[in-house]
Amino acid sequence: MAHDKNQQLVKMINQIALNNAYDDDVDRAADAVASHVRKFWAKSMKQDIQALADAGGEGLNEIARAAVIRI
């Protein structure tokens, strides 16, 4: 169950990251993704994605990985 939830969170944050990719400006994109996550994700979702990133961040794209650090 937790694995499915984590996969869904990775899919969601990666999609947000792709929608906020700015001409190879990873920092700008990561800031936008982090802002979105802070505003719209539940506290438990933010904690889960941070724990996943701390455990190696399997599946996170570059922008998503950078965004999680900013949450």
PDB file of N, CA and C in Angstrom:
ATOM      1  N   MET A   1       0.825  -1.204   0.000  1.00  0.00           N
ATOM      2  CA  MET A   1       0.000   0.000   0.000  1.00  0.00           C
ATOM      3  C   MET A   1       0.862   1.258   0.000  1.00  0.00           C
ATOM      4  N   ALA A   2       1.851   1.319   0.906  1.00  0.00           N
ATOM      5  CA  ALA A   2       2.720   2.499   0.980  1.00  0.00           C
ATOM      6  C   ALA A   2       3.505   2.674  -0.306  1.00  0.00           C
ATOM      7  N   HIS A   3       3.896   1.559  -0.901  1.00  0.00           N
ATOM      8  CA  HIS A   3       4.640   1.623  -2.162  1.00  0.00           C
ATOM      9  C   HIS A   3       3.784   2.267  -3.252  1.00  0.00           C
ATOM     10  N   ASP A   4       2.508   1.876  -3.333  1.00  0.00           N
ATOM     11  CA  ASP A   4       1.598   2.465  -4.325  1.00  0.00           C
ATOM     12  C   ASP A   4       1.418   3.961  -4.089  1.00  0.00           C
ATOM     13  N   LYS A   5       1.298   4.344  -2.818  1.00  0.00           N
ATOM     14  CA  LYS A   5       1.128   5.761  -2.475  1.00  0.00           C
ATOM     15  C   LYS A   5       2.371   6.545  -2.885  1.00  0.00           C
ATOM     16  N   ASN A   6       3.540   5.990  -2.600  1.00  0.00           N
ATOM     17  CA  ASN A   6       4.778   6.663  -2.979  1.00  0.00           C
ATOM     18  C   ASN A   6       4.907   6.782  -4.489  1.00  0.00           C
ATOM     19  N   GLN A   7       4.543   5.743  -5.207  1.00  0.00           N
ATOM     20  CA  GLN A   7       4.602   5.807  -6.665  1.00  0.00           C
ATOM     21  C   GLN A   7       3.687   6.906  -7.188  1.00  0.00           C
ATOM     22  N   GLN A   8       2.523   7.046  -6.594  1.00  0.00           N
ATOM     23  CA  GLN A   8       1.582   8.086  -7.016  1.00  0.00           C
ATOM     24  C   GLN A   8       2.147   9.477  -6.726  1.00  0.00           C
ATOM     25  N   LEU A   9       2.772   9.657  -5.565  1.00  0.00           N
ATOM     26  CA  LEU A   9       3.373  10.949  -5.231  1.00  0.00           C
ATOM     27  C   LEU A   9       4.511  11.290  -6.194  1.00  0.00           C
ATOM     28  N   VAL A  10       5.334  10.291  -6.520  1.00  0.00           N
ATOM     29  CA  VAL A  10       6.434  10.509  -7.471  1.00  0.00           C
ATOM     30  C   VAL A  10       5.862  10.897  -8.831  1.00  0.00           C
ATOM     31  N   LYS A  11       4.848  10.198  -9.261  1.00  0.00           N
ATOM     32  CA  LYS A  11       4.221  10.512 -10.557  1.00  0.00           C
ATOM     33  C   LYS A  11       3.688  11.947 -10.549  1.00  0.00           C
ATOM     34  N   MET A  12       3.016  12.326  -9.473  1.00  0.00           N
ATOM     35  CA  MET A  12       2.425  13.660  -9.395  1.00  0.00           C
ATOM     36  C   MET A  12       3.491  14.748  -9.409  1.00  0.00           C
ATOM     37  N   ILE A  13       4.520  14.612  -8.578  1.00  0.00           N
ATOM     38  CA  ILE A  13       5.527  15.678  -8.509  1.00  0.00           C
ATOM     39  C   ILE A  13       6.346  15.734  -9.787  1.00  0.00           C
ATOM     40  N   ASN A  14       6.587  14.591 -10.416  1.00  0.00           N
ATOM     41  CA  ASN A  14       7.294  14.601 -11.702  1.00  0.00           C
ATOM     42  C   ASN A  14       6.470  15.309 -12.778  1.00  0.00           C
ATOM     43  N   GLN A  15       5.141  15.102 -12.772  1.00  0.00           N
ATOM     44  CA  GLN A  15       4.282  15.796 -13.738  1.00  0.00           C
ATOM     45  C   GLN A  15       4.293  17.298 -13.497  1.00  0.00           C
ATOM     46  N   ILE A  16       4.220  17.694 -12.245  1.00  0.00           N
ATOM     47  CA  ILE A  16       4.278  19.127 -11.920  1.00  0.00           C
ATOM     48  C   ILE A  16       5.614  19.702 -12.380  1.00  0.00           C
ATOM     49  N   ALA A  17       6.680  18.945 -12.158  1.00  0.00           N
ATOM     50  CA  ALA A  17       8.008  19.392 -12.578  1.00  0.00           C
ATOM     51  C   ALA A  17       8.084  19.564 -14.087  1.00  0.00           C
ATOM     52  N   LEU A  18       7.549  18.613 -14.830  1.00  0.00           N
ATOM     53  CA  LEU A  18       7.571  18.715 -16.297  1.00  0.00           C
ATOM     54  C   LEU A  18       6.763  19.912 -16.785  1.00  0.00           C
ATOM     55  N   ASN A  19       5.680  20.214 -16.102  1.00  0.00           N
ATOM     56  CA  ASN A  19       4.845  21.354 -16.482  1.00  0.00           C
ATOM     57  C   ASN A  19       5.479  22.691 -16.115  1.00  0.00           C
ATOM     58  N   ASN A  20       6.504  22.651 -15.282  1.00  0.00           N
ATOM     59  CA  ASN A  20       7.173  23.878 -14.851  1.00  0.00           C
ATOM     60  C   ASN A  20       8.624  23.945 -15.304  1.00  0.00           C
ATOM     61  N   ALA A  21       8.983  23.159 -16.297  1.00  0.00           N
ATOM     62  CA  ALA A  21      10.355  23.186 -16.817  1.00  0.00           C
ATOM     63  C   ALA A  21      10.545  24.476 -17.611  1.00  0.00           C
ATOM     64  N   TYR A  22      11.572  25.227 -17.256  1.00  0.00           N
ATOM     65  CA  TYR A  22      11.840  26.517 -17.889  1.00  0.00           C
ATOM     66  C   TYR A  22      13.203  26.507 -18.570  1.00  0.00           C
ATOM     67  N   ASP A  23      13.246  26.168 -19.821  1.00  0.00           N
ATOM     68  CA  ASP A  23      14.473  26.285 -20.618  1.00  0.00           C
ATOM     69  C   ASP A  23      15.733  25.899 -19.850  1.00  0.00           C
ATOM     70  N   ASP A  24      15.741  24.731 -19.294  1.00  0.00           N
ATOM     71  CA  ASP A  24      16.905  24.198 -18.573  1.00  0.00           C
ATOM     72  C   ASP A  24      17.259  24.990 -17.316  1.00  0.00           C
ATOM     73  N   ASP A  25      16.356  25.794 -16.791  1.00  0.00           N
ATOM     74  CA  ASP A  25      16.599  26.516 -15.545  1.00  0.00           C
ATOM     75  C   ASP A  25      16.009  25.688 -14.400  1.00  0.00           C
ATOM     76  N   VAL A  26      16.800  24.745 -13.908  1.00  0.00           N
ATOM     77  CA  VAL A  26      16.336  23.813 -12.889  1.00  0.00           C
ATOM     78  C   VAL A  26      15.955  24.546 -11.606  1.00  0.00           C
ATOM     79  N   ASP A  27      16.713  25.545 -11.212  1.00  0.00           N
ATOM     80  CA  ASP A  27      16.411  26.274  -9.978  1.00  0.00           C
ATOM     81  C   ASP A  27      15.059  26.969 -10.052  1.00  0.00           C
ATOM     82  N   ARG A  28      14.797  27.629 -11.137  1.00  0.00           N
ATOM     83  CA  ARG A  28      13.512  28.339 -11.304  1.00  0.00           C
ATOM     84  C   ARG A  28      12.355  27.354 -11.307  1.00  0.00           C
ATOM     85  N   ALA A  29      12.527  26.249 -12.022  1.00  0.00           N
ATOM     86  CA  ALA A  29      11.483  25.233 -12.082  1.00  0.00           C
ATOM     87  C   ALA A  29      11.267  24.601 -10.707  1.00  0.00           C
ATOM     88  N   ALA A  30      12.351  24.286 -10.005  1.00  0.00           N
ATOM     89  CA  ALA A  30      12.237  23.671  -8.682  1.00  0.00           C
ATOM     90  C   ALA A  30      11.538  24.612  -7.704  1.00  0.00           C
ATOM     91  N   ASP A  31      11.816  25.901  -7.793  1.00  0.00           N
ATOM     92  CA  ASP A  31      11.129  26.875  -6.943  1.00  0.00           C
ATOM     93  C   ASP A  31       9.624  26.864  -7.208  1.00  0.00           C
ATOM     94  N   ALA A  32       9.240  26.807  -8.475  1.00  0.00           N
ATOM     95  CA  ALA A  32       7.820  26.790  -8.839  1.00  0.00           C
ATOM     96  C   ALA A  32       7.139  25.514  -8.340  1.00  0.00           C
ATOM     97  N   VAL A  33       7.811  24.386  -8.492  1.00  0.00           N
ATOM     98  CA  VAL A  33       7.246  23.109  -8.040  1.00  0.00           C
ATOM     99  C   VAL A  33       7.120  23.101  -6.517  1.00  0.00           C
ATOM    100  N   ALA A  34       8.140  23.548  -5.829  1.00  0.00           N
ATOM    101  CA  ALA A  34       8.098  23.588  -4.363  1.00  0.00           C
ATOM    102  C   ALA A  34       6.966  24.496  -3.887  1.00  0.00           C
ATOM    103  N   SER A  35       6.791  25.621  -4.547  1.00  0.00           N
ATOM    104  CA  SER A  35       5.714  26.533  -4.191  1.00  0.00           C
ATOM    105  C   SER A  35       4.352  25.858  -4.360  1.00  0.00           C
ATOM    106  N   HIS A  36       4.171  25.168  -5.466  1.00  0.00           N
ATOM    107  CA  HIS A  36       2.916  24.456  -5.728  1.00  0.00           C
ATOM    108  C   HIS A  36       2.661  23.409  -4.645  1.00  0.00           C
ATOM    109  N   VAL A  37       3.675  22.621  -4.338  1.00  0.00           N
ATOM    110  CA  VAL A  37       3.522  21.558  -3.346  1.00  0.00           C
ATOM    111  C   VAL A  37       3.211  22.145  -1.976  1.00  0.00           C
ATOM    112  N   ARG A  38       3.913  23.201  -1.594  1.00  0.00           N
ATOM    113  CA  ARG A  38       3.644  23.837  -0.291  1.00  0.00           C
ATOM    114  C   ARG A  38       2.199  24.331  -0.205  1.00  0.00           C
ATOM    115  N   LYS A  39       1.676  24.863  -1.293  1.00  0.00           N
ATOM    116  CA  LYS A  39       0.324  25.430  -1.296  1.00  0.00           C
ATOM    117  C   LYS A  39      -0.771  24.373  -1.344  1.00  0.00           C
ATOM    118  N   PHE A  40      -0.569  23.315  -2.132  1.00  0.00           N
ATOM    119  CA  PHE A  40      -1.683  22.440  -2.468  1.00  0.00           C
ATOM    120  C   PHE A  40      -1.608  21.015  -1.930  1.00  0.00           C
ATOM    121  N   TRP A  41      -0.469  20.578  -1.468  1.00  0.00           N
ATOM    122  CA  TRP A  41      -0.362  19.214  -0.957  1.00  0.00           C
ATOM    123  C   TRP A  41      -0.619  19.192   0.536  1.00  0.00           C
ATOM    124  N   ALA A  42      -1.251  18.116   0.987  1.00  0.00           N
ATOM    125  CA  ALA A  42      -1.473  17.907   2.418  1.00  0.00           C
ATOM    126  C   ALA A  42      -0.132  17.698   3.123  1.00  0.00           C
ATOM    127  N   LYS A  43      -0.108  18.022   4.398  1.00  0.00           N
ATOM    128  CA  LYS A  43       1.113  17.873   5.180  1.00  0.00           C
ATOM    129  C   LYS A  43       1.652  16.444   5.095  1.00  0.00           C
ATOM    130  N   SER A  44       0.765  15.467   5.156  1.00  0.00           N
ATOM    131  CA  SER A  44       1.202  14.064   5.090  1.00  0.00           C
ATOM    132  C   SER A  44       1.852  13.735   3.755  1.00  0.00           C
ATOM    133  N   MET A  45       1.344  14.318   2.671  1.00  0.00           N
ATOM    134  CA  MET A  45       1.930  14.092   1.346  1.00  0.00           C
ATOM    135  C   MET A  45       3.334  14.690   1.277  1.00  0.00           C
ATOM    136  N   LYS A  46       3.486  15.892   1.824  1.00  0.00           N
ATOM    137  CA  LYS A  46       4.798  16.539   1.831  1.00  0.00           C
ATOM    138  C   LYS A  46       5.789  15.729   2.660  1.00  0.00           C
ATOM    139  N   GLN A  47       5.345  15.233   3.800  1.00  0.00           N
ATOM    140  CA  GLN A  47       6.225  14.420   4.640  1.00  0.00           C
ATOM    141  C   GLN A  47       6.625  13.130   3.926  1.00  0.00           C
ATOM    142  N   ASP A  48       5.679  12.522   3.240  1.00  0.00           N
ATOM    143  CA  ASP A  48       5.957  11.266   2.534  1.00  0.00           C
ATOM    144  C   ASP A  48       6.944  11.473   1.389  1.00  0.00           C
ATOM    145  N   ILE A  49       6.787  12.539   0.614  1.00  0.00           N
ATOM    146  CA  ILE A  49       7.699  12.763  -0.514  1.00  0.00           C
ATOM    147  C   ILE A  49       9.086  13.143   0.006  1.00  0.00           C
ATOM    148  N   GLN A  50       9.150  13.849   1.119  1.00  0.00           N
ATOM    149  CA  GLN A  50      10.449  14.173   1.709  1.00  0.00           C
ATOM    150  C   GLN A  50      11.139  12.916   2.231  1.00  0.00           C
ATOM    151  N   ALA A  51      10.387  12.027   2.852  1.00  0.00           N
ATOM    152  CA  ALA A  51      10.958  10.768   3.337  1.00  0.00           C
ATOM    153  C   ALA A  51      11.454   9.924   2.167  1.00  0.00           C
ATOM    154  N   LEU A  52      10.691   9.899   1.095  1.00  0.00           N
ATOM    155  CA  LEU A  52      11.107   9.154  -0.091  1.00  0.00           C
ATOM    156  C   LEU A  52      12.396   9.729  -0.657  1.00  0.00           C
ATOM    157  N   ALA A  53      12.487  11.039  -0.716  1.00  0.00           N
ATOM    158  CA  ALA A  53      13.705  11.688  -1.223  1.00  0.00           C
ATOM    159  C   ALA A  53      14.889  11.396  -0.304  1.00  0.00           C
ATOM    160  N   ASP A  54      14.657  11.416   0.985  1.00  0.00           N
ATOM    161  CA  ASP A  54      15.719  11.121   1.944  1.00  0.00           C
ATOM    162  C   ASP A  54      16.218   9.686   1.816  1.00  0.00           C
ATOM    163  N   ALA A  55      15.339   8.801   1.342  1.00  0.00           N
ATOM    164  CA  ALA A  55      15.689   7.390   1.182  1.00  0.00           C
ATOM    165  C   ALA A  55      16.304   7.104  -0.188  1.00  0.00           C
ATOM    166  N   GLY A  56      16.624   8.143  -0.934  1.00  0.00           N
ATOM    167  CA  GLY A  56      17.267   7.952  -2.230  1.00  0.00           C
ATOM    168  C   GLY A  56      16.507   8.564  -3.384  1.00  0.00           C
ATOM    169  N   GLY A  57      15.239   8.834  -3.199  1.00  0.00           N
ATOM    170  CA  GLY A  57      14.457   9.525  -4.220  1.00  0.00           C
ATOM    171  C   GLY A  57      14.230   8.745  -5.494  1.00  0.00           C
ATOM    172  N   GLU A  58      14.080   7.425  -5.377  1.00  0.00           N
ATOM    173  CA  GLU A  58      13.884   6.601  -6.567  1.00  0.00           C
ATOM    174  C   GLU A  58      12.701   7.093  -7.394  1.00  0.00           C
ATOM    175  N   GLY A  59      12.953   7.370  -8.666  1.00  0.00           N
ATOM    176  CA  GLY A  59      11.914   7.778  -9.590  1.00  0.00           C
ATOM    177  C   GLY A  59      11.739   9.270  -9.757  1.00  0.00           C
ATOM    178  N   LEU A  60      12.309  10.059  -8.859  1.00  0.00           N
ATOM    179  CA  LEU A  60      12.163  11.516  -8.962  1.00  0.00           C
ATOM    180  C   LEU A  60      13.043  12.052 -10.083  1.00  0.00           C
ATOM    181  N   ASN A  61      12.464  12.923 -10.914  1.00  0.00           N
ATOM    182  CA  ASN A  61      13.293  13.556 -11.939  1.00  0.00           C
ATOM    183  C   ASN A  61      14.111  14.690 -11.302  1.00  0.00           C
ATOM    184  N   GLU A  62      15.006  15.270 -12.060  1.00  0.00           N
ATOM    185  CA  GLU A  62      15.944  16.263 -11.527  1.00  0.00           C
ATOM    186  C   GLU A  62      15.241  17.456 -10.884  1.00  0.00           C
ATOM    187  N   ILE A  63      14.223  17.960 -11.547  1.00  0.00           N
ATOM    188  CA  ILE A  63      13.504  19.128 -11.023  1.00  0.00           C
ATOM    189  C   ILE A  63      12.745  18.758  -9.758  1.00  0.00           C
ATOM    190  N   ALA A  64      12.078  17.626  -9.779  1.00  0.00           N
ATOM    191  CA  ALA A  64      11.320  17.178  -8.597  1.00  0.00           C
ATOM    192  C   ALA A  64      12.239  16.973  -7.406  1.00  0.00           C
ATOM    193  N   ARG A  65      13.387  16.374  -7.652  1.00  0.00           N
ATOM    194  CA  ARG A  65      14.348  16.125  -6.575  1.00  0.00           C
ATOM    195  C   ARG A  65      14.804  17.470  -5.969  1.00  0.00           C
ATOM    196  N   ALA A  66      15.086  18.449  -6.822  1.00  0.00           N
ATOM    197  CA  ALA A  66      15.503  19.767  -6.347  1.00  0.00           C
ATOM    198  C   ALA A  66      14.358  20.477  -5.616  1.00  0.00           C
ATOM    199  N   ALA A  67      13.124  20.250  -6.052  1.00  0.00           N
ATOM    200  CA  ALA A  67      11.970  20.884  -5.421  1.00  0.00           C
ATOM    201  C   ALA A  67      11.734  20.351  -4.023  1.00  0.00           C
ATOM    202  N   VAL A  68      11.894  19.053  -3.835  1.00  0.00           N
ATOM    203  CA  VAL A  68      11.641  18.454  -2.524  1.00  0.00           C
ATOM    204  C   VAL A  68      12.541  19.076  -1.466  1.00  0.00           C
ATOM    205  N   ILE A  69      13.754  19.395  -1.825  1.00  0.00           N
ATOM    206  CA  ILE A  69      14.683  20.035  -0.895  1.00  0.00           C
ATOM    207  C   ILE A  69      14.149  21.390  -0.449  1.00  0.00           C
ATOM    208  N   ARG A  70      13.394  22.050  -1.307  1.00  0.00           N
ATOM    209  CA  ARG A  70      12.892  23.407  -1.029  1.00  0.00           C
ATOM    210  C   ARG A  70      11.559  23.430  -0.258  1.00  0.00           C
ATOM    211  N   ILE A  71      10.935  22.279  -0.113  1.00  0.00           N
ATOM    212  CA  ILE A  71       9.618  22.242   0.537  1.00  0.00           C
ATOM    213  C   ILE A  71       9.760  22.543   2.025  1.00  0.00           C
TER     214      ILE A  71
END
